[in-house]
């Protein structure tokens, strides 16, 4: 089959937990005789085909094309009637992405970025979309502009903290994350697990263990997670500790 488009899946789709590229395409079906395709049986739209496990969704091509046209026409009409509402542009951007209209989506994203260059939420949404499309330069531009508009917003702090982690500066990241820790609306345990892992990478295991303790205090159920337990034991071993902060799991802890 001829690939129509590909996109990076946000998830990890195979057992080895490797990121994969999902493909959409239009395979034709035929009645075969003597190993030769004789009678066409129709065409389907294959959606999000995984090259590892071959998991995908499918539907008749004609049905797919009708759905695509109706959805995009509705979205464009809605945007035309609400041209000053950035949420309508973001919604249409999502529809274009689902239906693989990436060139059109890029044009819409660029126009929306220009029109709403002083709207924090819109810039964050666009930055996220660009990031999902693998366009790091455009994504960073939107994020940086949003941070300029509101550097103390929890989302701005999160972005700056993650950038600090990528730069190998966990202490700097911890300063950005501090206000988020007490903000229930924006608190995300995975963020602080990432911070703890950054301390481990920097071989600062006492700070890593401190973050693990805080995670346990915030949500004790994380103590049963296999990945979390492995990370905690790594820091405890590096610090030469004989006792663990982990709750017992089964007969042998």
Foldseek 3Di string as FASTA:
>chain_A
DDFPDKFWDPFQPDPVSDTFIFTKDKDWDADDDPNHGDGTPAIKIWARQTPPPRDTDIDGPVVLVVVLVVVLVVLVVVCVVVVVDLVSLLVSLVSCVRNVVVVVSVVSLVVSCVVPVLPLVSLQSSLVVCVRRVNNVSSVVSLVSSCVNPVLPLVNLLVVLVVCLVVLRLVVSCVSCVVVCPPPVRDDLVSLLSSLVSCVVVVVLVVSLVSLLSSCVVPVVCLPPPVSVVSQVVSCVSVVHPDGPGDDDPPPD
